[in-house]
Amino acid sequence: MMPLNVAPVGQVLKLTSIHGGESIHHRLNALGLTPGVEIVIVSRNEGGPVILAVKDSRLALGRELQHHIQVELQAEYHYEQQMKHGWSHHRRGRRRAGFKGNHRESL
């Protein structure tokens, strides 16, 4: 187990616990960060917020909240691989494949 602020970028992590008062728990629960949820750190700015992939969304989490979250490495599977082969890649491909040029010309 490790705090979120030192967890590796691009790895699937499992949120194991939240340390802090009731307001910290309430705020993180409202963001979908509950014990047992899988998250991925998409990017990290040194001394600043991290961008997390949580379920089907992304969120920025400030440095002050990162210290309250304990995670463990869930899998040796990189987020970049998921995005390369995942649903969002294919969805964009289908949308582009259906594009038939200038819309005004086809009217």
C-alpha atoms as a PDB file:
ATOM      1  CA  MET A   1       0.000   0.000   0.000  1.00  0.00           C
ATOM      2  CA  MET A   2       1.158   3.544  -0.772  1.00  0.00           C
ATOM      3  CA  PRO A   3      -0.249   7.057  -0.768  1.00  0.00           C
ATOM      4  CA  LEU A   4      -1.620   8.278  -4.088  1.00  0.00           C
ATOM      5  CA  ASN A   5       0.951  11.077  -4.285  1.00  0.00           C
ATOM      6  CA  VAL A   6       3.791   8.531  -4.822  1.00  0.00           C
ATOM      7  CA  ALA A   7       1.891   5.975  -6.941  1.00  0.00           C
ATOM      8  CA  PRO A   8       3.161   5.341 -10.491  1.00  0.00           C
ATOM      9  CA  VAL A   9       1.610   7.008 -13.526  1.00  0.00           C
ATOM     10  CA  GLY A  10      -0.169   4.741 -16.019  1.00  0.00           C
ATOM     11  CA  GLN A  11      -0.733   1.752 -13.730  1.00  0.00           C
ATOM     12  CA  VAL A  12      -4.084   0.369 -12.624  1.00  0.00           C
ATOM     13  CA  LEU A  13      -4.465   1.064  -8.903  1.00  0.00           C
ATOM     14  CA  LYS A  14      -7.048  -0.021  -6.358  1.00  0.00           C
ATOM     15  CA  LEU A  15      -8.126   2.554  -3.792  1.00  0.00           C
ATOM     16  CA  THR A  16      -7.764   0.742  -0.467  1.00  0.00           C
ATOM     17  CA  SER A  17      -8.545   3.416   2.126  1.00  0.00           C
ATOM     18  CA  ILE A  18      -9.136   7.096   2.775  1.00  0.00           C
ATOM     19  CA  HIS A  19      -7.601   8.783   5.808  1.00  0.00           C
ATOM     20  CA  GLY A  20      -9.076  12.006   7.087  1.00  0.00           C
ATOM     21  CA  GLY A  21     -12.137  13.555   8.594  1.00  0.00           C
ATOM     22  CA  GLU A  22     -15.753  13.314   7.561  1.00  0.00           C
ATOM     23  CA  SER A  23     -15.472  16.232   5.125  1.00  0.00           C
ATOM     24  CA  ILE A  24     -12.568  14.521   3.290  1.00  0.00           C
ATOM     25  CA  HIS A  25     -14.541  11.265   3.020  1.00  0.00           C
ATOM     26  CA  HIS A  26     -17.657  13.095   1.810  1.00  0.00           C
ATOM     27  CA  ARG A  27     -15.757  15.086  -0.835  1.00  0.00           C
ATOM     28  CA  LEU A  28     -13.879  12.068  -2.216  1.00  0.00           C
ATOM     29  CA  ASN A  29     -17.013   9.889  -2.201  1.00  0.00           C
ATOM     30  CA  ALA A  30     -18.822  12.576  -4.216  1.00  0.00           C
ATOM     31  CA  LEU A  31     -16.047  12.334  -6.819  1.00  0.00           C
ATOM     32  CA  GLY A  32     -16.471   8.548  -7.065  1.00  0.00           C
ATOM     33  CA  LEU A  33     -13.342   7.790  -5.041  1.00  0.00           C
ATOM     34  CA  THR A  34     -14.449   5.035  -2.698  1.00  0.00           C
ATOM     35  CA  PRO A  35     -12.533   2.047  -1.311  1.00  0.00           C
ATOM     36  CA  GLY A  36     -12.354  -0.733  -3.882  1.00  0.00           C
ATOM     37  CA  VAL A  37     -12.605   1.453  -6.990  1.00  0.00           C
ATOM     38  CA  GLU A  38      -9.936   1.064  -9.685  1.00  0.00           C
ATOM     39  CA  ILE A  39      -8.173   4.235 -10.774  1.00  0.00           C
ATOM     40  CA  VAL A  40      -5.320   5.189 -13.082  1.00  0.00           C
ATOM     41  CA  ILE A  41      -3.080   8.228 -12.760  1.00  0.00           C
ATOM     42  CA  VAL A  42      -3.150   9.608 -16.299  1.00  0.00           C
ATOM     43  CA  SER A  43      -0.725  12.456 -15.624  1.00  0.00           C
ATOM     44  CA  ARG A  44       1.010  14.151 -12.732  1.00  0.00           C
ATOM     45  CA  ASN A  45       2.263  17.726 -12.451  1.00  0.00           C
ATOM     46  CA  GLU A  46       5.121  17.994  -9.978  1.00  0.00           C
ATOM     47  CA  GLY A  47       3.761  19.646  -6.857  1.00  0.00           C
ATOM     48  CA  GLY A  48       0.342  20.098  -8.451  1.00  0.00           C
ATOM     49  CA  PRO A  49      -2.771  18.121  -9.299  1.00  0.00           C
ATOM     50  CA  VAL A  50      -2.956  14.639 -10.775  1.00  0.00           C
ATOM     51  CA  ILE A  51      -5.362  13.661 -13.521  1.00  0.00           C
ATOM     52  CA  LEU A  52      -7.149  10.428 -12.629  1.00  0.00           C
ATOM     53  CA  ALA A  53      -9.194   8.068 -14.771  1.00  0.00           C
ATOM     54  CA  VAL A  54     -12.033   6.830 -12.555  1.00  0.00           C
ATOM     55  CA  LYS A  55     -14.672   4.572 -14.094  1.00  0.00           C
ATOM     56  CA  ASP A  56     -15.761   6.382 -17.290  1.00  0.00           C
ATOM     57  CA  SER A  57     -14.497   9.850 -16.398  1.00  0.00           C
ATOM     58  CA  ARG A  58     -11.394  11.843 -15.614  1.00  0.00           C
ATOM     59  CA  LEU A  59     -10.872  14.221 -12.749  1.00  0.00           C
ATOM     60  CA  ALA A  60      -8.159  16.468 -11.386  1.00  0.00           C
ATOM     61  CA  LEU A  61      -7.251  15.912  -7.761  1.00  0.00           C
ATOM     62  CA  GLY A  62      -5.258  18.508  -5.862  1.00  0.00           C
ATOM     63  CA  ARG A  63      -2.110  17.760  -3.943  1.00  0.00           C
ATOM     64  CA  GLU A  64      -3.743  18.264  -0.546  1.00  0.00           C
ATOM     65  CA  LEU A  65      -6.245  15.437  -1.161  1.00  0.00           C
ATOM     66  CA  GLN A  66      -3.717  12.985  -2.610  1.00  0.00           C
ATOM     67  CA  HIS A  67      -2.119  12.416   0.799  1.00  0.00           C
ATOM     68  CA  HIS A  68      -5.410  11.114   2.224  1.00  0.00           C
ATOM     69  CA  ILE A  69      -5.777   8.292  -0.328  1.00  0.00           C
ATOM     70  CA  GLN A  70      -4.055   4.905   0.012  1.00  0.00           C
ATOM     71  CA  VAL A  71      -3.765   2.704  -3.080  1.00  0.00           C
ATOM     72  CA  GLU A  72      -2.194  -0.569  -4.107  1.00  0.00           C
ATOM     73  CA  LEU A  73      -0.939  -1.714  -7.484  1.00  0.00           C
ATOM     74  CA  GLN A  74      -3.739  -3.714  -9.063  1.00  0.00           C
ATOM     75  CA  ALA A  75      -2.237  -4.882 -12.344  1.00  0.00           C
ATOM     76  CA  GLU A  76       0.827  -4.486 -14.506  1.00  0.00           C
ATOM     77  CA  TYR A  77      -1.353  -3.094 -17.285  1.00  0.00           C
ATOM     78  CA  HIS A  78      -0.580   0.354 -18.618  1.00  0.00           C
ATOM     79  CA  TYR A  79      -3.305   2.914 -19.265  1.00  0.00           C
ATOM     80  CA  GLU A  80      -1.778   3.745 -22.652  1.00  0.00           C
ATOM     81  CA  GLN A  81      -2.451   0.175 -23.797  1.00  0.00           C
ATOM     82  CA  GLN A  82      -6.081   0.471 -22.733  1.00  0.00           C
ATOM     83  CA  MET A  83      -6.525   3.730 -24.645  1.00  0.00           C
ATOM     84  CA  LYS A  84      -4.805   2.264 -27.695  1.00  0.00           C
ATOM     85  CA  HIS A  85      -7.094  -0.772 -27.792  1.00  0.00           C
ATOM     86  CA  GLY A  86     -10.071   0.422 -25.744  1.00  0.00           C
ATOM     87  CA  TRP A  87     -13.560   1.578 -26.627  1.00  0.00           C
ATOM     88  CA  SER A  88     -12.759   5.276 -27.011  1.00  0.00           C
ATOM     89  CA  HIS A  89     -10.253   4.579 -29.796  1.00  0.00           C
ATOM     90  CA  HIS A  90     -12.819   2.563 -31.748  1.00  0.00           C
ATOM     91  CA  ARG A  91     -15.617   5.050 -31.117  1.00  0.00           C
ATOM     92  CA  ARG A  92     -13.574   7.869 -32.647  1.00  0.00           C
ATOM     93  CA  GLY A  93     -12.686   5.634 -35.570  1.00  0.00           C
ATOM     94  CA  ARG A  94     -16.334   4.874 -36.340  1.00  0.00           C
ATOM     95  CA  ARG A  95     -17.261   8.527 -36.134  1.00  0.00           C
ATOM     96  CA  ARG A  96     -14.510   9.505 -38.553  1.00  0.00           C
ATOM     97  CA  ALA A  97     -15.286   6.618 -40.887  1.00  0.00           C
ATOM     98  CA  GLY A  98     -18.849   7.931 -41.291  1.00  0.00           C
ATOM     99  CA  PHE A  99     -17.703  11.418 -42.314  1.00  0.00           C
ATOM    100  CA  LYS A 100     -18.360  11.974 -46.035  1.00  0.00           C
ATOM    101  CA  GLY A 101     -16.698  15.322 -46.676  1.00  0.00           C
ATOM    102  CA  ASN A 102     -18.144  18.808 -46.591  1.00  0.00           C
ATOM    103  CA  HIS A 103     -21.670  18.752 -45.183  1.00  0.00           C
ATOM    104  CA  ARG A 104     -22.860  21.692 -47.327  1.00  0.00           C
ATOM    105  CA  GLU A 105     -21.881  19.975 -50.565  1.00  0.00           C
ATOM    106  CA  SER A 106     -24.031  16.959 -49.746  1.00  0.00           C
ATOM    107  CA  LEU A 107     -27.201  19.054 -49.252  1.00  0.00           C
END
